[in-house]
């Protein structure tokens, strides 16, 4: 898999972003990371809320999806893909297993690994 440079993708874009995360420190980190690239950042704490927000807000460009949230990040991604094939969904989790990467790709994510804040890798 090739590595993707986030700066080259988002350089001149201002996105409407959705953070799906139940841990407030991770939400803060993701907000800081996305702030320069986003015109608006929405936040929810579980997969069910993520699906509902995506149905209400048709203009979401980017979703960061915690795989281990309540409401199941994998299932939420699968549900969102039923009505929105174009949105970029980046799966992230500090505790993801190797098979979670493959499962996330299967349901329609790009995979971002934030493993204990040692670094970020985006695959796709």
PDB file of N, CA and C in Angstrom:
ATOM      1  N   UNK A   1       0.830  -1.178   0.000  1.00  0.00           N
ATOM      2  CA  UNK A   1       0.000   0.000   0.000  1.00  0.00           C
ATOM      3  C   UNK A   1       0.877   1.246   0.000  1.00  0.00           C
ATOM      4  N   UNK A   2       0.429   2.243  -0.731  1.00  0.00           N
ATOM      5  CA  UNK A   2       1.203   3.471  -0.778  1.00  0.00           C
ATOM      6  C   UNK A   2       0.772   4.404   0.343  1.00  0.00           C
ATOM      7  N   UNK A   3       1.714   5.197   0.817  1.00  0.00           N
ATOM      8  CA  UNK A   3       1.430   6.183   1.833  1.00  0.00           C
ATOM      9  C   UNK A   3       0.910   7.447   1.167  1.00  0.00           C
ATOM     10  N   UNK A   4      -0.047   8.097   1.783  1.00  0.00           N
ATOM     11  CA  UNK A   4      -0.664   9.289   1.216  1.00  0.00           C
ATOM     12  C   UNK A   4      -0.281  10.487   2.063  1.00  0.00           C
ATOM     13  N   UNK A   5       0.152  11.570   1.411  1.00  0.00           N
ATOM     14  CA  UNK A   5       0.536  12.794   2.098  1.00  0.00           C
ATOM     15  C   UNK A   5      -0.713  13.635   2.348  1.00  0.00           C
ATOM     16  N   UNK A   6      -1.108  13.778   3.623  1.00  0.00           N
ATOM     17  CA  UNK A   6      -2.306  14.546   3.968  1.00  0.00           C
ATOM     18  C   UNK A   6      -2.213  15.994   3.507  1.00  0.00           C
ATOM     19  N   UNK A   7      -1.043  16.603   3.619  1.00  0.00           N
ATOM     20  CA  UNK A   7      -0.905  18.002   3.227  1.00  0.00           C
ATOM     21  C   UNK A   7      -1.219  18.220   1.758  1.00  0.00           C
ATOM     22  N   UNK A   8      -0.810  17.303   0.898  1.00  0.00           N
ATOM     23  CA  UNK A   8      -1.078  17.469  -0.527  1.00  0.00           C
ATOM     24  C   UNK A   8      -2.564  17.325  -0.836  1.00  0.00           C
ATOM     25  N   UNK A   9      -3.282  16.539  -0.058  1.00  0.00           N
ATOM     26  CA  UNK A   9      -4.714  16.356  -0.283  1.00  0.00           C
ATOM     27  C   UNK A   9      -5.505  17.568   0.196  1.00  0.00           C
ATOM     28  N   UNK A  10      -5.197  18.059   1.378  1.00  0.00           N
ATOM     29  CA  UNK A  10      -6.017  19.075   2.020  1.00  0.00           C
ATOM     30  C   UNK A  10      -5.468  20.492   1.906  1.00  0.00           C
ATOM     31  N   UNK A  11      -4.367  20.675   1.184  1.00  0.00           N
ATOM     32  CA  UNK A  11      -3.676  21.954   1.158  1.00  0.00           C
ATOM     33  C   UNK A  11      -4.594  23.147   0.924  1.00  0.00           C
ATOM     34  N   UNK A  12      -5.382  23.111  -0.112  1.00  0.00           N
ATOM     35  CA  UNK A  12      -6.197  24.276  -0.442  1.00  0.00           C
ATOM     36  C   UNK A  12      -7.678  24.062  -0.149  1.00  0.00           C
ATOM     37  N   UNK A  13      -8.024  22.985   0.519  1.00  0.00           N
ATOM     38  CA  UNK A  13      -9.426  22.674   0.793  1.00  0.00           C
ATOM     39  C   UNK A  13      -9.825  23.139   2.188  1.00  0.00           C
ATOM     40  N   UNK A  14     -11.062  23.495   2.326  1.00  0.00           N
ATOM     41  CA  UNK A  14     -11.648  23.726   3.645  1.00  0.00           C
ATOM     42  C   UNK A  14     -12.832  22.781   3.740  1.00  0.00           C
ATOM     43  N   UNK A  15     -12.695  21.778   4.552  1.00  0.00           N
ATOM     44  CA  UNK A  15     -13.634  20.667   4.605  1.00  0.00           C
ATOM     45  C   UNK A  15     -14.671  20.831   5.706  1.00  0.00           C
ATOM     46  N   UNK A  16     -15.791  20.173   5.526  1.00  0.00           N
ATOM     47  CA  UNK A  16     -16.740  19.979   6.599  1.00  0.00           C
ATOM     48  C   UNK A  16     -16.423  18.594   7.154  1.00  0.00           C
ATOM     49  N   UNK A  17     -15.944  18.545   8.395  1.00  0.00           N
ATOM     50  CA  UNK A  17     -15.418  17.311   8.974  1.00  0.00           C
ATOM     51  C   UNK A  17     -16.289  16.829  10.129  1.00  0.00           C
ATOM     52  N   UNK A  18     -16.327  15.521  10.301  1.00  0.00           N
ATOM     53  CA  UNK A  18     -17.035  14.886  11.409  1.00  0.00           C
ATOM     54  C   UNK A  18     -16.054  14.008  12.167  1.00  0.00           C
ATOM     55  N   UNK A  19     -15.935  14.257  13.466  1.00  0.00           N
ATOM     56  CA  UNK A  19     -15.104  13.435  14.342  1.00  0.00           C
ATOM     57  C   UNK A  19     -16.027  12.514  15.129  1.00  0.00           C
ATOM     58  N   UNK A  20     -15.822  11.208  14.991  1.00  0.00           N
ATOM     59  CA  UNK A  20     -16.613  10.210  15.719  1.00  0.00           C
ATOM     60  C   UNK A  20     -15.657   9.575  16.729  1.00  0.00           C
ATOM     61  N   UNK A  21     -15.766  10.016  17.972  1.00  0.00           N
ATOM     62  CA  UNK A  21     -14.787   9.637  18.996  1.00  0.00           C
ATOM     63  C   UNK A  21     -15.434   9.778  20.369  1.00  0.00           C
ATOM     64  N   UNK A  22     -15.214   8.799  21.255  1.00  0.00           N
ATOM     65  CA  UNK A  22     -15.796   8.865  22.597  1.00  0.00           C
ATOM     66  C   UNK A  22     -14.793   9.244  23.682  1.00  0.00           C
ATOM     67  N   UNK A  23     -13.559   9.444  23.324  1.00  0.00           N
ATOM     68  CA  UNK A  23     -12.523   9.806  24.294  1.00  0.00           C
ATOM     69  C   UNK A  23     -12.157  11.263  24.062  1.00  0.00           C
ATOM     70  N   UNK A  24     -12.401  12.118  25.042  1.00  0.00           N
ATOM     71  CA  UNK A  24     -12.274  13.566  24.845  1.00  0.00           C
ATOM     72  C   UNK A  24     -10.861  14.015  24.469  1.00  0.00           C
ATOM     73  N   UNK A  25      -9.831  13.357  24.993  1.00  0.00           N
ATOM     74  CA  UNK A  25      -8.462  13.737  24.624  1.00  0.00           C
ATOM     75  C   UNK A  25      -8.195  13.466  23.142  1.00  0.00           C
ATOM     76  N   UNK A  26      -8.718  12.361  22.626  1.00  0.00           N
ATOM     77  CA  UNK A  26      -8.561  12.052  21.203  1.00  0.00           C
ATOM     78  C   UNK A  26      -9.348  13.030  20.345  1.00  0.00           C
ATOM     79  N   UNK A  27     -10.555  13.397  20.809  1.00  0.00           N
ATOM     80  CA  UNK A  27     -11.355  14.390  20.091  1.00  0.00           C
ATOM     81  C   UNK A  27     -10.597  15.701  20.001  1.00  0.00           C
ATOM     82  N   UNK A  28      -9.984  16.121  21.089  1.00  0.00           N
ATOM     83  CA  UNK A  28      -9.198  17.355  21.102  1.00  0.00           C
ATOM     84  C   UNK A  28      -8.031  17.275  20.125  1.00  0.00           C
ATOM     85  N   UNK A  29      -7.299  16.169  20.144  1.00  0.00           N
ATOM     86  CA  UNK A  29      -6.173  15.990  19.227  1.00  0.00           C
ATOM     87  C   UNK A  29      -6.636  16.052  17.774  1.00  0.00           C
ATOM     88  N   UNK A  30      -7.696  15.346  17.453  1.00  0.00           N
ATOM     89  CA  UNK A  30      -8.205  15.338  16.084  1.00  0.00           C
ATOM     90  C   UNK A  30      -8.708  16.722  15.670  1.00  0.00           C
ATOM     91  N   UNK A  31      -9.335  17.434  16.587  1.00  0.00           N
ATOM     92  CA  UNK A  31      -9.790  18.791  16.299  1.00  0.00           C
ATOM     93  C   UNK A  31      -8.613  19.693  15.970  1.00  0.00           C
ATOM     94  N   UNK A  32      -7.549  19.580  16.733  1.00  0.00           N
ATOM     95  CA  UNK A  32      -6.346  20.371  16.468  1.00  0.00           C
ATOM     96  C   UNK A  32      -5.760  20.016  15.110  1.00  0.00           C
ATOM     97  N   UNK A  33      -5.695  18.722  14.795  1.00  0.00           N
ATOM     98  CA  UNK A  33      -5.148  18.286  13.510  1.00  0.00           C
ATOM     99  C   UNK A  33      -5.990  18.764  12.323  1.00  0.00           C
ATOM    100  N   UNK A  34      -7.309  18.775  12.477  1.00  0.00           N
ATOM    101  CA  UNK A  34      -8.205  19.110  11.368  1.00  0.00           C
ATOM    102  C   UNK A  34      -8.536  20.593  11.268  1.00  0.00           C
ATOM    103  N   UNK A  35      -8.265  21.356  12.310  1.00  0.00           N
ATOM    104  CA  UNK A  35      -8.677  22.753  12.377  1.00  0.00           C
ATOM    105  C   UNK A  35      -8.224  23.582  11.166  1.00  0.00           C
ATOM    106  N   UNK A  36      -7.020  23.423  10.746  1.00  0.00           N
ATOM    107  CA  UNK A  36      -6.495  24.200   9.624  1.00  0.00           C
ATOM    108  C   UNK A  36      -7.062  23.808   8.273  1.00  0.00           C
ATOM    109  N   UNK A  37      -7.678  22.639   8.208  1.00  0.00           N
ATOM    110  CA  UNK A  37      -8.203  22.120   6.947  1.00  0.00           C
ATOM    111  C   UNK A  37      -9.729  22.173   6.872  1.00  0.00           C
ATOM    112  N   UNK A  38     -10.369  22.576   7.966  1.00  0.00           N
ATOM    113  CA  UNK A  38     -11.823  22.466   8.040  1.00  0.00           C
ATOM    114  C   UNK A  38     -12.493  23.817   8.213  1.00  0.00           C
ATOM    115  N   UNK A  39     -13.600  23.995   7.498  1.00  0.00           N
ATOM    116  CA  UNK A  39     -14.432  25.182   7.707  1.00  0.00           C
ATOM    117  C   UNK A  39     -15.397  24.947   8.855  1.00  0.00           C
ATOM    118  N   UNK A  40     -15.716  23.672   9.109  1.00  0.00           N
ATOM    119  CA  UNK A  40     -16.624  23.294  10.187  1.00  0.00           C
ATOM    120  C   UNK A  40     -16.243  21.903  10.671  1.00  0.00           C
ATOM    121  N   UNK A  41     -16.250  21.721  11.993  1.00  0.00           N
ATOM    122  CA  UNK A  41     -15.965  20.416  12.577  1.00  0.00           C
ATOM    123  C   UNK A  41     -17.137  20.025  13.473  1.00  0.00           C
ATOM    124  N   UNK A  42     -17.761  18.896  13.135  1.00  0.00           N
ATOM    125  CA  UNK A  42     -18.840  18.332  13.933  1.00  0.00           C
ATOM    126  C   UNK A  42     -18.261  17.201  14.774  1.00  0.00           C
ATOM    127  N   UNK A  43     -18.843  16.963  15.953  1.00  0.00           N
ATOM    128  CA  UNK A  43     -18.360  15.903  16.833  1.00  0.00           C
ATOM    129  C   UNK A  43     -19.528  15.071  17.335  1.00  0.00           C
ATOM    130  N   UNK A  44     -19.364  13.760  17.324  1.00  0.00           N
ATOM    131  CA  UNK A  44     -20.317  12.842  17.948  1.00  0.00           C
ATOM    132  C   UNK A  44     -19.544  11.797  18.729  1.00  0.00           C
ATOM    133  N   UNK A  45     -20.251  11.093  19.622  1.00  0.00           N
ATOM    134  CA  UNK A  45     -19.577  10.170  20.531  1.00  0.00           C
ATOM    135  C   UNK A  45     -19.882   8.702  20.290  1.00  0.00           C
ATOM    136  N   UNK A  46     -20.725   8.382  19.289  1.00  0.00           N
ATOM    137  CA  UNK A  46     -20.973   6.970  19.007  1.00  0.00           C
ATOM    138  C   UNK A  46     -21.393   6.780  17.551  1.00  0.00           C
ATOM    139  N   UNK A  47     -21.422   5.533  17.126  1.00  0.00           N
ATOM    140  CA  UNK A  47     -21.709   5.206  15.740  1.00  0.00           C
ATOM    141  C   UNK A  47     -23.116   5.556  15.301  1.00  0.00           C
ATOM    142  N   UNK A  48     -24.097   5.373  16.191  1.00  0.00           N
ATOM    143  CA  UNK A  48     -25.478   5.703  15.842  1.00  0.00           C
ATOM    144  C   UNK A  48     -25.630   7.196  15.564  1.00  0.00           C
ATOM    145  N   UNK A  49     -25.013   8.026  16.414  1.00  0.00           N
ATOM    146  CA  UNK A  49     -25.043   9.475  16.195  1.00  0.00           C
ATOM    147  C   UNK A  49     -24.346   9.843  14.890  1.00  0.00           C
ATOM    148  N   UNK A  50     -23.269   9.151  14.562  1.00  0.00           N
ATOM    149  CA  UNK A  50     -22.538   9.426  13.325  1.00  0.00           C
ATOM    150  C   UNK A  50     -23.425   9.219  12.106  1.00  0.00           C
ATOM    151  N   UNK A  51     -24.162   8.118  12.094  1.00  0.00           N
ATOM    152  CA  UNK A  51     -25.058   7.829  10.967  1.00  0.00           C
ATOM    153  C   UNK A  51     -26.123   8.913  10.858  1.00  0.00           C
ATOM    154  N   UNK A  52     -26.713   9.294  11.978  1.00  0.00           N
ATOM    155  CA  UNK A  52     -27.770  10.319  11.966  1.00  0.00           C
ATOM    156  C   UNK A  52     -27.239  11.671  11.506  1.00  0.00           C
ATOM    157  N   UNK A  53     -26.077  12.073  11.999  1.00  0.00           N
ATOM    158  CA  UNK A  53     -25.492  13.355  11.586  1.00  0.00           C
ATOM    159  C   UNK A  53     -25.179  13.341  10.092  1.00  0.00           C
ATOM    160  N   UNK A  54     -24.688  12.236   9.584  1.00  0.00           N
ATOM    161  CA  UNK A  54     -24.388  12.140   8.151  1.00  0.00           C
ATOM    162  C   UNK A  54     -25.648  12.222   7.295  1.00  0.00           C
ATOM    163  N   UNK A  55     -26.746  11.725   7.804  1.00  0.00           N
ATOM    164  CA  UNK A  55     -28.009  11.838   7.073  1.00  0.00           C
ATOM    165  C   UNK A  55     -28.513  13.276   7.059  1.00  0.00           C
ATOM    166  N   UNK A  56     -28.318  14.007   8.162  1.00  0.00           N
ATOM    167  CA  UNK A  56     -28.777  15.392   8.276  1.00  0.00           C
ATOM    168  C   UNK A  56     -27.865  16.373   7.536  1.00  0.00           C
ATOM    169  N   UNK A  57     -26.568  16.148   7.579  1.00  0.00           N
ATOM    170  CA  UNK A  57     -25.574  17.063   7.014  1.00  0.00           C
ATOM    171  C   UNK A  57     -24.993  16.443   5.750  1.00  0.00           C
ATOM    172  N   UNK A  58     -25.601  16.718   4.632  1.00  0.00           N
ATOM    173  CA  UNK A  58     -25.197  16.097   3.364  1.00  0.00           C
ATOM    174  C   UNK A  58     -23.817  16.546   2.892  1.00  0.00           C
ATOM    175  N   UNK A  59     -23.328  17.683   3.365  1.00  0.00           N
ATOM    176  CA  UNK A  59     -22.071  18.223   2.850  1.00  0.00           C
ATOM    177  C   UNK A  59     -20.825  17.798   3.596  1.00  0.00           C
ATOM    178  N   UNK A  60     -20.867  16.724   4.372  1.00  0.00           N
ATOM    179  CA  UNK A  60     -19.668  16.282   5.099  1.00  0.00           C
ATOM    180  C   UNK A  60     -18.673  15.716   4.107  1.00  0.00           C
ATOM    181  N   UNK A  61     -17.430  16.228   4.190  1.00  0.00           N
ATOM    182  CA  UNK A  61     -16.366  15.822   3.282  1.00  0.00           C
ATOM    183  C   UNK A  61     -15.462  14.747   3.869  1.00  0.00           C
ATOM    184  N   UNK A  62     -15.296  14.765   5.197  1.00  0.00           N
ATOM    185  CA  UNK A  62     -14.316  13.901   5.855  1.00  0.00           C
ATOM    186  C   UNK A  62     -14.867  13.433   7.190  1.00  0.00           C
ATOM    187  N   UNK A  63     -14.713  12.137   7.465  1.00  0.00           N
ATOM    188  CA  UNK A  63     -15.106  11.563   8.753  1.00  0.00           C
ATOM    189  C   UNK A  63     -13.897  10.844   9.336  1.00  0.00           C
ATOM    190  N   UNK A  64     -13.570  11.137  10.601  1.00  0.00           N
ATOM    191  CA  UNK A  64     -12.605  10.308  11.325  1.00  0.00           C
ATOM    192  C   UNK A  64     -13.434   9.403  12.235  1.00  0.00           C
ATOM    193  N   UNK A  65     -13.280   8.114  12.067  1.00  0.00           N
ATOM    194  CA  UNK A  65     -14.142   7.133  12.736  1.00  0.00           C
ATOM    195  C   UNK A  65     -13.323   6.281  13.702  1.00  0.00           C
ATOM    196  N   UNK A  66     -13.594   6.430  14.995  1.00  0.00           N
ATOM    197  CA  UNK A  66     -12.986   5.541  15.989  1.00  0.00           C
ATOM    198  C   UNK A  66     -13.609   4.158  15.817  1.00  0.00           C
ATOM    199  N   UNK A  67     -12.792   3.172  15.583  1.00  0.00           N
ATOM    200  CA  UNK A  67     -13.290   1.822  15.344  1.00  0.00           C
ATOM    201  C   UNK A  67     -13.888   1.171  16.587  1.00  0.00           C
ATOM    202  N   UNK A  68     -13.454   1.608  17.762  1.00  0.00           N
ATOM    203  CA  UNK A  68     -13.833   0.931  19.003  1.00  0.00           C
ATOM    204  C   UNK A  68     -14.924   1.649  19.785  1.00  0.00           C
ATOM    205  N   UNK A  69     -15.645   2.570  19.161  1.00  0.00           N
ATOM    206  CA  UNK A  69     -16.672   3.331  19.866  1.00  0.00           C
ATOM    207  C   UNK A  69     -17.932   2.514  20.121  1.00  0.00           C
ATOM    208  N   UNK A  70     -18.762   3.027  21.028  1.00  0.00           N
ATOM    209  CA  UNK A  70     -20.099   2.456  21.219  1.00  0.00           C
ATOM    210  C   UNK A  70     -20.874   2.654  19.922  1.00  0.00           C
ATOM    211  N   UNK A  71     -21.679   1.694  19.583  1.00  0.00           N
ATOM    212  CA  UNK A  71     -22.387   1.771  18.314  1.00  0.00           C
ATOM    213  C   UNK A  71     -21.556   1.237  17.172  1.00  0.00           C
ATOM    214  N   UNK A  72     -20.357   0.757  17.455  1.00  0.00           N
ATOM    215  CA  UNK A  72     -19.488   0.068  16.512  1.00  0.00           C
ATOM    216  C   UNK A  72     -19.106   0.915  15.303  1.00  0.00           C
ATOM    217  N   UNK A  73     -17.848   1.347  15.262  1.00  0.00           N
ATOM    218  CA  UNK A  73     -17.350   2.152  14.149  1.00  0.00           C
ATOM    219  C   UNK A  73     -17.409   1.441  12.813  1.00  0.00           C
ATOM    220  N   UNK A  74     -17.199   0.128  12.808  1.00  0.00           N
ATOM    221  CA  UNK A  74     -17.279  -0.634  11.555  1.00  0.00           C
ATOM    222  C   UNK A  74     -18.710  -0.611  11.008  1.00  0.00           C
ATOM    223  N   UNK A  75     -19.673  -0.870  11.880  1.00  0.00           N
ATOM    224  CA  UNK A  75     -21.075  -0.890  11.455  1.00  0.00           C
ATOM    225  C   UNK A  75     -21.541   0.497  11.036  1.00  0.00           C
ATOM    226  N   UNK A  76     -21.123   1.525  11.767  1.00  0.00           N
ATOM    227  CA  UNK A  76     -21.485   2.895  11.390  1.00  0.00           C
ATOM    228  C   UNK A  76     -20.941   3.228  10.002  1.00  0.00           C
ATOM    229  N   UNK A  77     -19.713   2.834   9.725  1.00  0.00           N
ATOM    230  CA  UNK A  77     -19.121   3.073   8.404  1.00  0.00           C
ATOM    231  C   UNK A  77     -19.923   2.348   7.329  1.00  0.00           C
ATOM    232  N   UNK A  78     -20.267   1.106   7.583  1.00  0.00           N
ATOM    233  CA  UNK A  78     -21.050   0.330   6.627  1.00  0.00           C
ATOM    234  C   UNK A  78     -22.397   1.000   6.349  1.00  0.00           C
ATOM    235  N   UNK A  79     -23.049   1.498   7.392  1.00  0.00           N
ATOM    236  CA  UNK A  79     -24.332   2.176   7.233  1.00  0.00           C
ATOM    237  C   UNK A  79     -24.189   3.482   6.440  1.00  0.00           C
ATOM    238  N   UNK A  80     -23.152   4.260   6.743  1.00  0.00           N
ATOM    239  CA  UNK A  80     -22.915   5.527   6.029  1.00  0.00           C
ATOM    240  C   UNK A  80     -22.648   5.256   4.553  1.00  0.00           C
ATOM    241  N   UNK A  81     -21.906   4.209   4.253  1.00  0.00           N
ATOM    242  CA  UNK A  81     -21.589   3.872   2.861  1.00  0.00           C
ATOM    243  C   UNK A  81     -22.842   3.501   2.054  1.00  0.00           C
ATOM    244  N   UNK A  82     -23.908   3.082   2.714  1.00  0.00           N
ATOM    245  CA  UNK A  82     -25.141   2.757   2.003  1.00  0.00           C
ATOM    246  C   UNK A  82     -25.757   3.979   1.327  1.00  0.00           C
ATOM    247  N   UNK A  83     -25.571   5.169   1.928  1.00  0.00           N
ATOM    248  CA  UNK A  83     -26.170   6.376   1.356  1.00  0.00           C
ATOM    249  C   UNK A  83     -25.154   7.444   0.968  1.00  0.00           C
ATOM    250  N   UNK A  84     -23.889   7.235   1.280  1.00  0.00           N
ATOM    251  CA  UNK A  84     -22.862   8.205   0.896  1.00  0.00           C
ATOM    252  C   UNK A  84     -21.575   7.471   0.535  1.00  0.00           C
ATOM    253  N   UNK A  85     -21.382   7.236  -0.756  1.00  0.00           N
ATOM    254  CA  UNK A  85     -20.183   6.524  -1.229  1.00  0.00           C
ATOM    255  C   UNK A  85     -18.988   7.462  -1.378  1.00  0.00           C
ATOM    256  N   UNK A  86     -19.227   8.776  -1.422  1.00  0.00           N
ATOM    257  CA  UNK A  86     -18.155   9.709  -1.738  1.00  0.00           C
ATOM    258  C   UNK A  86     -17.366  10.266  -0.569  1.00  0.00           C
ATOM    259  N   UNK A  87     -17.940  10.273   0.619  1.00  0.00           N
ATOM    260  CA  UNK A  87     -17.252  10.864   1.758  1.00  0.00           C
ATOM    261  C   UNK A  87     -15.998  10.057   2.099  1.00  0.00           C
ATOM    262  N   UNK A  88     -14.932  10.755   2.456  1.00  0.00           N
ATOM    263  CA  UNK A  88     -13.704  10.086   2.892  1.00  0.00           C
ATOM    264  C   UNK A  88     -13.874   9.723   4.362  1.00  0.00           C
ATOM    265  N   UNK A  89     -13.722   8.440   4.668  1.00  0.00           N
ATOM    266  CA  UNK A  89     -13.812   7.975   6.049  1.00  0.00           C
ATOM    267  C   UNK A  89     -12.461   7.414   6.452  1.00  0.00           C
ATOM    268  N   UNK A  90     -11.879   8.025   7.485  1.00  0.00           N
ATOM    269  CA  UNK A  90     -10.587   7.592   7.997  1.00  0.00           C
ATOM    270  C   UNK A  90     -10.822   6.887   9.327  1.00  0.00           C
ATOM    271  N   UNK A  91     -10.513   5.617   9.373  1.00  0.00           N
ATOM    272  CA  UNK A  91     -10.643   4.848  10.611  1.00  0.00           C
ATOM    273  C   UNK A  91      -9.436   5.128  11.484  1.00  0.00           C
ATOM    274  N   UNK A  92      -9.685   5.286  12.788  1.00  0.00           N
ATOM    275  CA  UNK A  92      -8.575   5.515  13.704  1.00  0.00           C
ATOM    276  C   UNK A  92      -8.883   4.874  15.037  1.00  0.00           C
ATOM    277  N   UNK A  93      -7.851   4.334  15.632  1.00  0.00           N
ATOM    278  CA  UNK A  93      -7.987   3.725  16.950  1.00  0.00           C
ATOM    279  C   UNK A  93      -6.604   3.487  17.530  1.00  0.00           C
ATOM    280  N   UNK A  94      -6.462   3.780  18.793  1.00  0.00           N
ATOM    281  CA  UNK A  94      -5.186   3.523  19.469  1.00  0.00           C
ATOM    282  C   UNK A  94      -5.001   2.036  19.753  1.00  0.00           C
ATOM    283  N   UNK A  95      -6.085   1.268  19.665  1.00  0.00           N
ATOM    284  CA  UNK A  95      -6.026  -0.137  20.054  1.00  0.00           C
ATOM    285  C   UNK A  95      -6.400  -1.093  18.936  1.00  0.00           C
ATOM    286  N   UNK A  96      -6.278  -0.674  17.694  1.00  0.00           N
ATOM    287  CA  UNK A  96      -6.679  -1.520  16.565  1.00  0.00           C
ATOM    288  C   UNK A  96      -5.717  -2.692  16.397  1.00  0.00           C
ATOM    289  N   UNK A  97      -6.265  -3.835  16.056  1.00  0.00           N
ATOM    290  CA  UNK A  97      -5.483  -5.022  15.744  1.00  0.00           C
ATOM    291  C   UNK A  97      -5.202  -5.049  14.245  1.00  0.00           C
ATOM    292  N   UNK A  98      -4.275  -5.880  13.824  1.00  0.00           N
ATOM    293  CA  UNK A  98      -3.908  -5.970  12.409  1.00  0.00           C
ATOM    294  C   UNK A  98      -5.118  -6.286  11.529  1.00  0.00           C
ATOM    295  N   UNK A  99      -5.979  -7.193  11.981  1.00  0.00           N
ATOM    296  CA  UNK A  99      -7.146  -7.551  11.176  1.00  0.00           C
ATOM    297  C   UNK A  99      -8.158  -6.401  11.092  1.00  0.00           C
ATOM    298  N   UNK A 100      -8.123  -5.456  12.046  1.00  0.00           N
ATOM    299  CA  UNK A 100      -9.026  -4.305  11.995  1.00  0.00           C
ATOM    300  C   UNK A 100      -8.744  -3.438  10.776  1.00  0.00           C
ATOM    301  N   UNK A 101      -7.484  -3.357  10.367  1.00  0.00           N
ATOM    302  CA  UNK A 101      -7.131  -2.574   9.178  1.00  0.00           C
ATOM    303  C   UNK A 101      -7.827  -3.145   7.948  1.00  0.00           C
ATOM    304  N   UNK A 102      -7.755  -4.439   7.784  1.00  0.00           N
ATOM    305  CA  UNK A 102      -8.397  -5.083   6.632  1.00  0.00           C
ATOM    306  C   UNK A 102      -9.916  -4.939   6.698  1.00  0.00           C
ATOM    307  N   UNK A 103     -10.482  -5.100   7.879  1.00  0.00           N
ATOM    308  CA  UNK A 103     -11.923  -4.960   8.050  1.00  0.00           C
ATOM    309  C   UNK A 103     -12.363  -3.526   7.749  1.00  0.00           C
ATOM    310  N   UNK A 104     -11.584  -2.545   8.196  1.00  0.00           N
ATOM    311  CA  UNK A 104     -11.898  -1.141   7.939  1.00  0.00           C
ATOM    312  C   UNK A 104     -11.855  -0.836   6.443  1.00  0.00           C
ATOM    313  N   UNK A 105     -10.852  -1.354   5.750  1.00  0.00           N
ATOM    314  CA  UNK A 105     -10.789  -1.168   4.293  1.00  0.00           C
ATOM    315  C   UNK A 105     -11.987  -1.812   3.614  1.00  0.00           C
ATOM    316  N   UNK A 106     -12.393  -2.974   4.093  1.00  0.00           N
ATOM    317  CA  UNK A 106     -13.514  -3.706   3.511  1.00  0.00           C
ATOM    318  C   UNK A 106     -14.829  -2.924   3.620  1.00  0.00           C
ATOM    319  N   UNK A 107     -15.068  -2.260   4.761  1.00  0.00           N
ATOM    320  CA  UNK A 107     -16.321  -1.523   4.925  1.00  0.00           C
ATOM    321  C   UNK A 107     -16.283  -0.132   4.309  1.00  0.00           C
ATOM    322  N   UNK A 108     -15.113   0.289   3.802  1.00  0.00           N
ATOM    323  CA  UNK A 108     -15.054   1.540   3.059  1.00  0.00           C
ATOM    324  C   UNK A 108     -14.222   2.651   3.657  1.00  0.00           C
ATOM    325  N   UNK A 109     -13.337   2.350   4.587  1.00  0.00           N
ATOM    326  CA  UNK A 109     -12.481   3.363   5.204  1.00  0.00           C
ATOM    327  C   UNK A 109     -11.141   3.453   4.492  1.00  0.00           C
ATOM    328  N   UNK A 110     -10.478   4.566   4.718  1.00  0.00           N
ATOM    329  CA  UNK A 110      -9.039   4.661   4.594  1.00  0.00           C
ATOM    330  C   UNK A 110      -8.578   4.411   6.030  1.00  0.00           C
ATOM    331  N   UNK A 111      -7.359   4.006   6.278  1.00  0.00           N
ATOM    332  CA  UNK A 111      -6.974   3.655   7.644  1.00  0.00           C
ATOM    333  C   UNK A 111      -5.886   4.584   8.142  1.00  0.00           C
ATOM    334  N   UNK A 112      -6.143   5.222   9.250  1.00  0.00           N
ATOM    335  CA  UNK A 112      -5.177   6.086   9.908  1.00  0.00           C
ATOM    336  C   UNK A 112      -4.828   5.442  11.234  1.00  0.00           C
ATOM    337  N   UNK A 113      -3.576   5.174  11.433  1.00  0.00           N
ATOM    338  CA  UNK A 113      -3.130   4.548  12.666  1.00  0.00           C
ATOM    339  C   UNK A 113      -2.580   5.616  13.592  1.00  0.00           C
ATOM    340  N   UNK A 114      -3.213   5.809  14.735  1.00  0.00           N
ATOM    341  CA  UNK A 114      -2.711   6.720  15.764  1.00  0.00           C
ATOM    342  C   UNK A 114      -2.346   5.867  16.963  1.00  0.00           C
ATOM    343  N   UNK A 115      -1.284   5.151  16.852  1.00  0.00           N
ATOM    344  CA  UNK A 115      -0.914   4.209  17.890  1.00  0.00           C
ATOM    345  C   UNK A 115      -0.119   4.916  18.980  1.00  0.00           C
ATOM    346  N   UNK A 116      -0.803   5.244  20.049  1.00  0.00           N
ATOM    347  CA  UNK A 116      -0.194   5.914  21.205  1.00  0.00           C
ATOM    348  C   UNK A 116       0.572   7.166  20.798  1.00  0.00           C
ATOM    349  N   UNK A 117       0.096   7.848  19.774  1.00  0.00           N
ATOM    350  CA  UNK A 117       0.646   9.114  19.301  1.00  0.00           C
ATOM    351  C   UNK A 117       2.102   9.019  18.874  1.00  0.00           C
ATOM    352  N   UNK A 118       2.536   7.848  18.421  1.00  0.00           N
ATOM    353  CA  UNK A 118       3.902   7.679  17.913  1.00  0.00           C
ATOM    354  C   UNK A 118       4.028   8.164  16.485  1.00  0.00           C
ATOM    355  N   UNK A 119       2.930   8.302  15.811  1.00  0.00           N
ATOM    356  CA  UNK A 119       3.002   8.757  14.429  1.00  0.00           C
ATOM    357  C   UNK A 119       1.715   8.447  13.720  1.00  0.00           C
ATOM    358  N   UNK A 120       1.623   8.925  12.492  1.00  0.00           N
ATOM    359  CA  UNK A 120       0.405   8.712  11.721  1.00  0.00           C
ATOM    360  C   UNK A 120       0.768   8.120  10.368  1.00  0.00           C
ATOM    361  N   UNK A 121       0.033   7.117   9.967  1.00  0.00           N
ATOM    362  CA  UNK A 121       0.195   6.517   8.656  1.00  0.00           C
ATOM    363  C   UNK A 121      -1.172   6.398   8.020  1.00  0.00           C
ATOM    364  N   UNK A 122      -1.288   6.872   6.799  1.00  0.00           N
ATOM    365  CA  UNK A 122      -2.551   6.797   6.098  1.00  0.00           C
ATOM    366  C   UNK A 122      -2.372   5.876   4.919  1.00  0.00           C
ATOM    367  N   UNK A 123      -3.227   4.868   4.815  1.00  0.00           N
ATOM    368  CA  UNK A 123      -3.132   3.888   3.747  1.00  0.00           C
ATOM    369  C   UNK A 123      -4.408   3.964   2.913  1.00  0.00           C
ATOM    370  N   UNK A 124      -4.316   3.576   1.651  1.00  0.00           N
ATOM    371  CA  UNK A 124      -5.531   3.577   0.871  1.00  0.00           C
ATOM    372  C   UNK A 124      -5.326   3.003  -0.496  1.00  0.00           C
TER     373      UNK A 124
END
